[in-house]
PDB file of N, CA and C in Angstrom:
ATOM      1  N   UNK A   1      94.648  31.271 106.424  1.00  0.00           N
ATOM      2  CA  UNK A   1      94.832  31.962 105.183  1.00  0.00           C
ATOM      3  C   UNK A   1      94.525  30.989 104.050  1.00  0.00           C
ATOM      4  N   UNK A   2      94.376  31.527 102.896  1.00  0.00           N
ATOM      5  CA  UNK A   2      94.155  30.697 101.713  1.00  0.00           C
ATOM      6  C   UNK A   2      95.522  30.375 101.104  1.00  0.00           C
ATOM      7  N   UNK A   3      95.668  30.486  99.810  1.00  0.00           N
ATOM      8  CA  UNK A   3      96.943  30.231  99.146  1.00  0.00           C
ATOM      9  C   UNK A   3      97.930  31.348  99.457  1.00  0.00           C
ATOM     10  N   UNK A   4      99.188  30.953  99.653  1.00  0.00           N
ATOM     11  CA  UNK A   4     100.247  31.928  99.881  1.00  0.00           C
ATOM     12  C   UNK A   4     101.347  31.702  98.850  1.00  0.00           C
ATOM     13  N   UNK A   5     102.096  32.758  98.536  1.00  0.00           N
ATOM     14  CA  UNK A   5     103.174  32.661  97.558  1.00  0.00           C
ATOM     15  C   UNK A   5     104.410  31.990  98.137  1.00  0.00           C
ATOM     16  N   UNK A   6     104.513  32.002  99.460  1.00  0.00           N
ATOM     17  CA  UNK A   6     105.664  31.402 100.131  1.00  0.00           C
ATOM     18  C   UNK A   6     105.257  30.997 101.548  1.00  0.00           C
ATOM     19  N   UNK A   7     105.741  29.862 102.044  1.00  0.00           N
ATOM     20  CA  UNK A   7     105.474  29.492 103.441  1.00  0.00           C
ATOM     21  C   UNK A   7     106.009  30.531 104.417  1.00  0.00           C
ATOM     22  N   UNK A   8     107.004  31.299 103.981  1.00  0.00           N
ATOM     23  CA  UNK A   8     107.554  32.342 104.850  1.00  0.00           C
ATOM     24  C   UNK A   8     106.500  33.373 105.240  1.00  0.00           C
ATOM     25  N   UNK A   9     105.502  33.571 104.390  1.00  0.00           N
ATOM     26  CA  UNK A   9     104.404  34.486 104.711  1.00  0.00           C
ATOM     27  C   UNK A   9     103.704  34.047 105.991  1.00  0.00           C
ATOM     28  N   UNK A  10     103.480  32.754 106.125  1.00  0.00           N
ATOM     29  CA  UNK A  10     102.820  32.221 107.322  1.00  0.00           C
ATOM     30  C   UNK A  10     103.704  32.387 108.548  1.00  0.00           C
ATOM     31  N   UNK A  11     104.983  32.154 108.373  1.00  0.00           N
ATOM     32  CA  UNK A  11     105.929  32.295 109.481  1.00  0.00           C
ATOM     33  C   UNK A  11     105.984  33.742 109.959  1.00  0.00           C
ATOM     34  N   UNK A  12     106.033  34.678 109.029  1.00  0.00           N
ATOM     35  CA  UNK A  12     106.080  36.102 109.383  1.00  0.00           C
ATOM     36  C   UNK A  12     104.822  36.510 110.150  1.00  0.00           C
ATOM     37  N   UNK A  13     103.664  36.038 109.689  1.00  0.00           N
ATOM     38  CA  UNK A  13     102.414  36.374 110.374  1.00  0.00           C
ATOM     39  C   UNK A  13     102.376  35.780 111.777  1.00  0.00           C
ATOM     40  N   UNK A  14     102.794  34.534 111.919  1.00  0.00           N
ATOM     41  CA  UNK A  14     102.807  33.907 113.247  1.00  0.00           C
ATOM     42  C   UNK A  14     103.746  34.644 114.187  1.00  0.00           C
ATOM     43  N   UNK A  15     104.928  34.991 113.698  1.00  0.00           N
ATOM     44  CA  UNK A  15     105.876  35.740 114.532  1.00  0.00           C
ATOM     45  C   UNK A  15     105.316  37.102 114.935  1.00  0.00           C
ATOM     46  N   UNK A  16     104.610  37.760 114.008  1.00  0.00           N
ATOM     47  CA  UNK A  16     103.996  39.052 114.318  1.00  0.00           C
ATOM     48  C   UNK A  16     102.970  38.913 115.440  1.00  0.00           C
ATOM     49  N   UNK A  17     102.088  37.928 115.330  1.00  0.00           N
ATOM     50  CA  UNK A  17     101.041  37.767 116.348  1.00  0.00           C
ATOM     51  C   UNK A  17     101.629  37.423 117.712  1.00  0.00           C
ATOM     52  N   UNK A  18     102.780  36.752 117.737  1.00  0.00           N
ATOM     53  CA  UNK A  18     103.401  36.428 119.018  1.00  0.00           C
ATOM     54  C   UNK A  18     103.926  37.675 119.729  1.00  0.00           C
ATOM     55  N   UNK A  19     104.095  38.759 119.013  1.00  0.00           N
ATOM     56  CA  UNK A  19     104.587  39.998 119.620  1.00  0.00           C
ATOM     57  C   UNK A  19     103.474  40.806 120.280  1.00  0.00           C
ATOM     58  N   UNK A  20     102.229  40.404 120.056  1.00  0.00           N
ATOM     59  CA  UNK A  20     101.120  41.103 120.693  1.00  0.00           C
ATOM     60  C   UNK A  20     101.126  40.819 122.188  1.00  0.00           C
ATOM     61  N   UNK A  21     100.601  41.732 122.954  1.00  0.00           N
ATOM     62  CA  UNK A  21     100.603  41.637 124.411  1.00  0.00           C
ATOM     63  C   UNK A  21      99.856  40.397 124.898  1.00  0.00           C
ATOM     64  N   UNK A  22     100.510  39.625 125.753  1.00  0.00           N
ATOM     65  CA  UNK A  22      99.929  38.475 126.435  1.00  0.00           C
ATOM     66  C   UNK A  22      99.523  37.321 125.529  1.00  0.00           C
ATOM     67  N   UNK A  23     100.076  37.211 124.344  1.00  0.00           N
ATOM     68  CA  UNK A  23      99.807  36.066 123.481  1.00  0.00           C
ATOM     69  C   UNK A  23     100.759  34.945 123.883  1.00  0.00           C
ATOM     70  N   UNK A  24     100.201  33.772 124.191  1.00  0.00           N
ATOM     71  CA  UNK A  24     101.025  32.637 124.586  1.00  0.00           C
ATOM     72  C   UNK A  24     101.189  31.635 123.439  1.00  0.00           C
ATOM     73  N   UNK A  25     100.176  31.522 122.577  1.00  0.00           N
ATOM     74  CA  UNK A  25     100.208  30.585 121.450  1.00  0.00           C
ATOM     75  C   UNK A  25      99.653  31.261 120.209  1.00  0.00           C
ATOM     76  N   UNK A  26     100.167  30.867 119.055  1.00  0.00           N
ATOM     77  CA  UNK A  26      99.656  31.329 117.777  1.00  0.00           C
ATOM     78  C   UNK A  26      99.750  30.172 116.787  1.00  0.00           C
ATOM     79  N   UNK A  27      98.679  29.954 116.027  1.00  0.00           N
ATOM     80  CA  UNK A  27      98.660  28.939 114.982  1.00  0.00           C
ATOM     81  C   UNK A  27      98.152  29.605 113.711  1.00  0.00           C
ATOM     82  N   UNK A  28      98.932  29.525 112.644  1.00  0.00           N
ATOM     83  CA  UNK A  28      98.581  30.111 111.353  1.00  0.00           C
ATOM     84  C   UNK A  28      98.690  29.005 110.313  1.00  0.00           C
ATOM     85  N   UNK A  29      97.700  28.925 109.411  1.00  0.00           N
ATOM     86  CA  UNK A  29      97.767  27.900 108.371  1.00  0.00           C
ATOM     87  C   UNK A  29      97.446  28.506 107.014  1.00  0.00           C
ATOM     88  N   UNK A  30      97.905  27.826 105.975  1.00  0.00           N
ATOM     89  CA  UNK A  30      97.646  28.259 104.614  1.00  0.00           C
ATOM     90  C   UNK A  30      98.035  27.170 103.634  1.00  0.00           C
ATOM     91  N   UNK A  31      97.793  27.431 102.369  1.00  0.00           N
ATOM     92  CA  UNK A  31      98.091  26.476 101.310  1.00  0.00           C
ATOM     93  C   UNK A  31      99.249  26.988 100.460  1.00  0.00           C
ATOM     94  N   UNK A  32     100.209  26.115 100.241  1.00  0.00           N
ATOM     95  CA  UNK A  32     101.343  26.452  99.391  1.00  0.00           C
ATOM     96  C   UNK A  32     101.704  25.229  98.552  1.00  0.00           C
ATOM     97  N   UNK A  33     101.706  25.406  97.231  1.00  0.00           N
ATOM     98  CA  UNK A  33     102.152  24.351  96.336  1.00  0.00           C
ATOM     99  C   UNK A  33     101.430  23.020  96.608  1.00  0.00           C
ATOM    100  N   UNK A  34     100.102  23.087  96.724  1.00  0.00           N
ATOM    101  CA  UNK A  34      99.256  21.922  96.962  1.00  0.00           C
ATOM    102  C   UNK A  34      99.561  21.218  98.295  1.00  0.00           C
ATOM    103  N   UNK A  35     100.021  21.998  99.270  1.00  0.00           N
ATOM    104  CA  UNK A  35     100.349  21.474 100.593  1.00  0.00           C
ATOM    105  C   UNK A  35      99.719  22.368 101.659  1.00  0.00           C
ATOM    106  N   UNK A  36      99.068  21.744 102.627  1.00  0.00           N
ATOM    107  CA  UNK A  36      98.550  22.476 103.783  1.00  0.00           C
ATOM    108  C   UNK A  36      99.714  22.667 104.744  1.00  0.00           C
ATOM    109  N   UNK A  37      99.973  23.905 105.108  1.00  0.00           N
ATOM    110  CA  UNK A  37     101.059  24.219 106.029  1.00  0.00           C
ATOM    111  C   UNK A  37     100.477  24.880 107.267  1.00  0.00           C
ATOM    112  N   UNK A  38     100.862  24.373 108.429  1.00  0.00           N
ATOM    113  CA  UNK A  38     100.400  24.912 109.707  1.00  0.00           C
ATOM    114  C   UNK A  38     101.637  25.320 110.507  1.00  0.00           C
ATOM    115  N   UNK A  39     101.662  26.565 110.930  1.00  0.00           N
ATOM    116  CA  UNK A  39     102.790  27.110 111.696  1.00  0.00           C
ATOM    117  C   UNK A  39     102.352  27.305 113.144  1.00  0.00           C
ATOM    118  N   UNK A  40     103.134  26.807 114.081  1.00  0.00           N
ATOM    119  CA  UNK A  40     102.885  26.965 115.514  1.00  0.00           C
ATOM    120  C   UNK A  40     103.957  27.878 116.096  1.00  0.00           C
ATOM    121  N   UNK A  41     103.551  28.768 116.947  1.00  0.00           N
ATOM    122  CA  UNK A  41     104.478  29.572 117.731  1.00  0.00           C
ATOM    123  C   UNK A  41     103.939  29.610 119.159  1.00  0.00           C
ATOM    124  N   UNK A  42     104.840  29.626 120.131  1.00  0.00           N
ATOM    125  CA  UNK A  42     104.422  29.806 121.516  1.00  0.00           C
ATOM    126  C   UNK A  42     105.523  30.504 122.295  1.00  0.00           C
ATOM    127  N   UNK A  43     105.198  30.853 123.513  1.00  0.00           N
ATOM    128  CA  UNK A  43     106.153  31.582 124.349  1.00  0.00           C
ATOM    129  C   UNK A  43     107.230  30.667 124.912  1.00  0.00           C
ATOM    130  N   UNK A  44     107.061  29.358 124.785  1.00  0.00           N
ATOM    131  CA  UNK A  44     108.047  28.415 125.280  1.00  0.00           C
ATOM    132  C   UNK A  44     107.980  28.165 126.772  1.00  0.00           C
ATOM    133  N   UNK A  45     106.991  28.734 127.431  1.00  0.00           N
ATOM    134  CA  UNK A  45     106.908  28.606 128.883  1.00  0.00           C
ATOM    135  C   UNK A  45     106.167  27.359 129.351  1.00  0.00           C
ATOM    136  N   UNK A  46     105.195  26.880 128.566  1.00  0.00           N
ATOM    137  CA  UNK A  46     104.386  25.776 129.085  1.00  0.00           C
ATOM    138  C   UNK A  46     104.558  24.468 128.314  1.00  0.00           C
ATOM    139  N   UNK A  47     104.516  24.481 127.008  1.00  0.00           N
ATOM    140  CA  UNK A  47     104.624  23.259 126.219  1.00  0.00           C
ATOM    141  C   UNK A  47     105.597  23.455 125.074  1.00  0.00           C
ATOM    142  N   UNK A  48     106.077  22.349 124.554  1.00  0.00           N
ATOM    143  CA  UNK A  48     106.997  22.379 123.421  1.00  0.00           C
ATOM    144  C   UNK A  48     106.181  22.331 122.131  1.00  0.00           C
ATOM    145  N   UNK A  49     106.279  23.370 121.315  1.00  0.00           N
ATOM    146  CA  UNK A  49     105.479  23.467 120.089  1.00  0.00           C
ATOM    147  C   UNK A  49     105.733  22.281 119.162  1.00  0.00           C
ATOM    148  N   UNK A  50     106.978  21.853 119.042  1.00  0.00           N
ATOM    149  CA  UNK A  50     107.296  20.720 118.176  1.00  0.00           C
ATOM    150  C   UNK A  50     106.615  19.444 118.617  1.00  0.00           C
ATOM    151  N   UNK A  51     106.546  19.223 119.898  1.00  0.00           N
ATOM    152  CA  UNK A  51     105.879  18.029 120.424  1.00  0.00           C
ATOM    153  C   UNK A  51     104.375  18.101 120.202  1.00  0.00           C
ATOM    154  N   UNK A  52     103.792  19.282 120.374  1.00  0.00           N
ATOM    155  CA  UNK A  52     102.355  19.456 120.130  1.00  0.00           C
ATOM    156  C   UNK A  52     102.037  19.180 118.666  1.00  0.00           C
ATOM    157  N   UNK A  53     102.836  19.729 117.757  1.00  0.00           N
ATOM    158  CA  UNK A  53     102.626  19.501 116.323  1.00  0.00           C
ATOM    159  C   UNK A  53     102.722  18.011 115.998  1.00  0.00           C
ATOM    160  N   UNK A  54     103.730  17.347 116.541  1.00  0.00           N
ATOM    161  CA  UNK A  54     103.917  15.924 116.281  1.00  0.00           C
ATOM    162  C   UNK A  54     102.780  15.095 116.875  1.00  0.00           C
ATOM    163  N   UNK A  55     102.367  15.401 118.097  1.00  0.00           N
ATOM    164  CA  UNK A  55     101.293  14.649 118.749  1.00  0.00           C
ATOM    165  C   UNK A  55      99.964  14.774 118.007  1.00  0.00           C
ATOM    166  N   UNK A  56      99.638  15.974 117.544  1.00  0.00           N
ATOM    167  CA  UNK A  56      98.350  16.195 116.896  1.00  0.00           C
ATOM    168  C   UNK A  56      98.328  15.810 115.426  1.00  0.00           C
ATOM    169  N   UNK A  57      99.452  16.002 114.719  1.00  0.00           N
ATOM    170  CA  UNK A  57      99.417  15.842 113.272  1.00  0.00           C
ATOM    171  C   UNK A  57     100.369  14.788 112.723  1.00  0.00           C
ATOM    172  N   UNK A  58     101.329  14.324 113.484  1.00  0.00           N
ATOM    173  CA  UNK A  58     102.314  13.369 112.996  1.00  0.00           C
ATOM    174  C   UNK A  58     101.719  12.057 112.519  1.00  0.00           C
ATOM    175  N   UNK A  59     100.653  11.613 113.140  1.00  0.00           N
ATOM    176  CA  UNK A  59     100.049  10.323 112.780  1.00  0.00           C
ATOM    177  C   UNK A  59      99.295  10.361 111.455  1.00  0.00           C
ATOM    178  N   UNK A  60      99.079  11.549 110.889  1.00  0.00           N
ATOM    179  CA  UNK A  60      98.299  11.663 109.660  1.00  0.00           C
ATOM    180  C   UNK A  60      99.153  11.703 108.393  1.00  0.00           C
ATOM    181  N   UNK A  61     100.436  11.588 108.513  1.00  0.00           N
ATOM    182  CA  UNK A  61     101.301  11.639 107.338  1.00  0.00           C
ATOM    183  C   UNK A  61     101.813  13.045 107.098  1.00  0.00           C
ATOM    184  N   UNK A  62     102.730  13.176 106.180  1.00  0.00           N
ATOM    185  CA  UNK A  62     103.372  14.460 105.971  1.00  0.00           C
ATOM    186  C   UNK A  62     104.423  14.657 107.046  1.00  0.00           C
ATOM    187  N   UNK A  63     104.870  15.863 107.243  1.00  0.00           N
ATOM    188  CA  UNK A  63     105.879  16.114 108.269  1.00  0.00           C
ATOM    189  C   UNK A  63     105.301  17.006 109.350  1.00  0.00           C
ATOM    190  N   UNK A  64     105.764  16.768 110.577  1.00  0.00           N
ATOM    191  CA  UNK A  64     105.307  17.556 111.717  1.00  0.00           C
ATOM    192  C   UNK A  64     106.403  17.553 112.768  1.00  0.00           C
ATOM    193  N   UNK A  65     106.737  18.725 113.272  1.00  0.00           N
ATOM    194  CA  UNK A  65     107.737  18.801 114.323  1.00  0.00           C
ATOM    195  C   UNK A  65     108.326  20.180 114.431  1.00  0.00           C
ATOM    196  N   UNK A  66     109.306  20.312 115.300  1.00  0.00           N
ATOM    197  CA  UNK A  66     109.949  21.597 115.485  1.00  0.00           C
ATOM    198  C   UNK A  66     110.665  21.687 116.811  1.00  0.00           C
ATOM    199  N   UNK A  67     110.760  22.882 117.311  1.00  0.00           N
ATOM    200  CA  UNK A  67     111.502  23.201 118.531  1.00  0.00           C
ATOM    201  C   UNK A  67     110.530  23.545 119.660  1.00  0.00           C
ATOM    202  N   UNK A  68     111.092  24.085 120.754  1.00  0.00           N
ATOM    203  CA  UNK A  68     110.266  24.469 121.902  1.00  0.00           C
ATOM    204  C   UNK A  68     109.267  25.572 121.536  1.00  0.00           C
ATOM    205  N   UNK A  69     109.733  26.609 120.850  1.00  0.00           N
ATOM    206  CA  UNK A  69     108.893  27.773 120.584  1.00  0.00           C
ATOM    207  C   UNK A  69     108.356  27.842 119.163  1.00  0.00           C
ATOM    208  N   UNK A  70     108.756  26.933 118.284  1.00  0.00           N
ATOM    209  CA  UNK A  70     108.342  27.011 116.884  1.00  0.00           C
ATOM    210  C   UNK A  70     108.210  25.613 116.288  1.00  0.00           C
ATOM    211  N   UNK A  71     107.151  25.428 115.495  1.00  0.00           N
ATOM    212  CA  UNK A  71     106.945  24.136 114.835  1.00  0.00           C
ATOM    213  C   UNK A  71     106.181  24.345 113.537  1.00  0.00           C
ATOM    214  N   UNK A  72     106.223  23.314 112.711  1.00  0.00           N
ATOM    215  CA  UNK A  72     105.540  23.389 111.418  1.00  0.00           C
ATOM    216  C   UNK A  72     105.010  22.013 111.049  1.00  0.00           C
ATOM    217  N   UNK A  73     103.826  22.017 110.426  1.00  0.00           N
ATOM    218  CA  UNK A  73     103.214  20.805 109.891  1.00  0.00           C
ATOM    219  C   UNK A  73     103.038  21.006 108.395  1.00  0.00           C
ATOM    220  N   UNK A  74     103.376  19.990 107.610  1.00  0.00           N
ATOM    221  CA  UNK A  74     103.126  20.021 106.171  1.00  0.00           C
ATOM    222  C   UNK A  74     102.374  18.746 105.801  1.00  0.00           C
ATOM    223  N   UNK A  75     101.239  18.923 105.161  1.00  0.00           N
ATOM    224  CA  UNK A  75     100.391  17.786 104.781  1.00  0.00           C
ATOM    225  C   UNK A  75      99.946  17.983 103.345  1.00  0.00           C
ATOM    226  N   UNK A  76     100.240  17.027 102.444  1.00  0.00           N
ATOM    227  CA  UNK A  76      99.805  17.159 101.050  1.00  0.00           C
ATOM    228  C   UNK A  76      98.289  17.358 100.958  1.00  0.00           C
ATOM    229  N   UNK A  77      97.886  18.359 100.200  1.00  0.00           N
ATOM    230  CA  UNK A  77      96.469  18.703 100.100  1.00  0.00           C
ATOM    231  C   UNK A  77      95.642  17.545  99.543  1.00  0.00           C
ATOM    232  N   UNK A  78      96.197  16.759  98.655  1.00  0.00           N
ATOM    233  CA  UNK A  78      95.461  15.622  98.093  1.00  0.00           C
ATOM    234  C   UNK A  78      95.054  14.636  99.189  1.00  0.00           C
ATOM    235  N   UNK A  79      95.877  14.463 100.201  1.00  0.00           N
ATOM    236  CA  UNK A  79      95.534  13.559 101.296  1.00  0.00           C
ATOM    237  C   UNK A  79      94.440  14.149 102.187  1.00  0.00           C
ATOM    238  N   UNK A  80      94.443  15.461 102.335  1.00  0.00           N
ATOM    239  CA  UNK A  80      93.423  16.137 103.138  1.00  0.00           C
ATOM    240  C   UNK A  80      92.081  16.071 102.424  1.00  0.00           C
ATOM    241  N   UNK A  81      92.057  16.437 101.153  1.00  0.00           N
ATOM    242  CA  UNK A  81      90.814  16.442 100.381  1.00  0.00           C
ATOM    243  C   UNK A  81      90.291  15.031 100.194  1.00  0.00           C
ATOM    244  N   UNK A  82      91.177  14.056 100.019  1.00  0.00           N
ATOM    245  CA  UNK A  82      90.757  12.679  99.830  1.00  0.00           C
ATOM    246  C   UNK A  82      89.934  12.136 100.976  1.00  0.00           C
ATOM    247  N   UNK A  83      90.142  12.624 102.169  1.00  0.00           N
ATOM    248  CA  UNK A  83      89.397  12.159 103.338  1.00  0.00           C
ATOM    249  C   UNK A  83      87.997  12.763 103.429  1.00  0.00           C
ATOM    250  N   UNK A  84      87.725  13.814 102.661  1.00  0.00           N
ATOM    251  CA  UNK A  84      86.430  14.483 102.772  1.00  0.00           C
ATOM    252  C   UNK A  84      85.382  13.925 101.818  1.00  0.00           C
ATOM    253  N   UNK A  85      85.797  13.123 100.843  1.00  0.00           N
ATOM    254  CA  UNK A  85      84.883  12.489  99.888  1.00  0.00           C
ATOM    255  C   UNK A  85      83.992  13.519  99.184  1.00  0.00           C
ATOM    256  N   UNK A  86      84.631  14.596  98.706  1.00  0.00           N
ATOM    257  CA  UNK A  86      83.913  15.595  97.917  1.00  0.00           C
ATOM    258  C   UNK A  86      83.150  16.637  98.723  1.00  0.00           C
ATOM    259  N   UNK A  87      83.136  16.542 100.028  1.00  0.00           N
ATOM    260  CA  UNK A  87      82.444  17.536 100.862  1.00  0.00           C
ATOM    261  C   UNK A  87      83.356  18.724 101.085  1.00  0.00           C
ATOM    262  N   UNK A  88      82.793  19.853 101.422  1.00  0.00           N
ATOM    263  CA  UNK A  88      83.570  21.068 101.685  1.00  0.00           C
ATOM    264  C   UNK A  88      84.039  21.117 103.112  1.00  0.00           C
ATOM    265  N   UNK A  89      84.698  20.056 103.538  1.00  0.00           N
ATOM    266  CA  UNK A  89      85.207  19.965 104.896  1.00  0.00           C
ATOM    267  C   UNK A  89      86.664  19.527 104.804  1.00  0.00           C
ATOM    268  N   UNK A  90      87.513  20.140 105.562  1.00  0.00           N
ATOM    269  CA  UNK A  90      88.913  19.728 105.569  1.00  0.00           C
ATOM    270  C   UNK A  90      89.192  18.985 106.861  1.00  0.00           C
ATOM    271  N   UNK A  91      89.642  17.757 106.699  1.00  0.00           N
ATOM    272  CA  UNK A  91      90.053  16.952 107.843  1.00  0.00           C
ATOM    273  C   UNK A  91      91.550  16.883 107.856  1.00  0.00           C
ATOM    274  N   UNK A  92      92.130  17.117 109.001  1.00  0.00           N
ATOM    275  CA  UNK A  92      93.587  17.096 109.099  1.00  0.00           C
ATOM    276  C   UNK A  92      93.980  15.770 109.675  1.00  0.00           C
TER     277      UNK A  92
END
């Protein structure tokens, strides 16, 4: 998603997609208050969402973590854009 009025919008969408038949993982992202927010949801059967968020995004700064079935990453947009050197590419 693009800009959202509240991070809760992303959480609601992720929770909705997890209710679809046979969905095991869902990742939704958007921008809120100059921050990239990534929401993880999973069925909790195979991997811990919080550990996945931390493993993939924790080393880049910002916050990353959560529980077995739910996790969230927050990364300041200035740090994301700063790595692209003016190109239209977002590096996490």
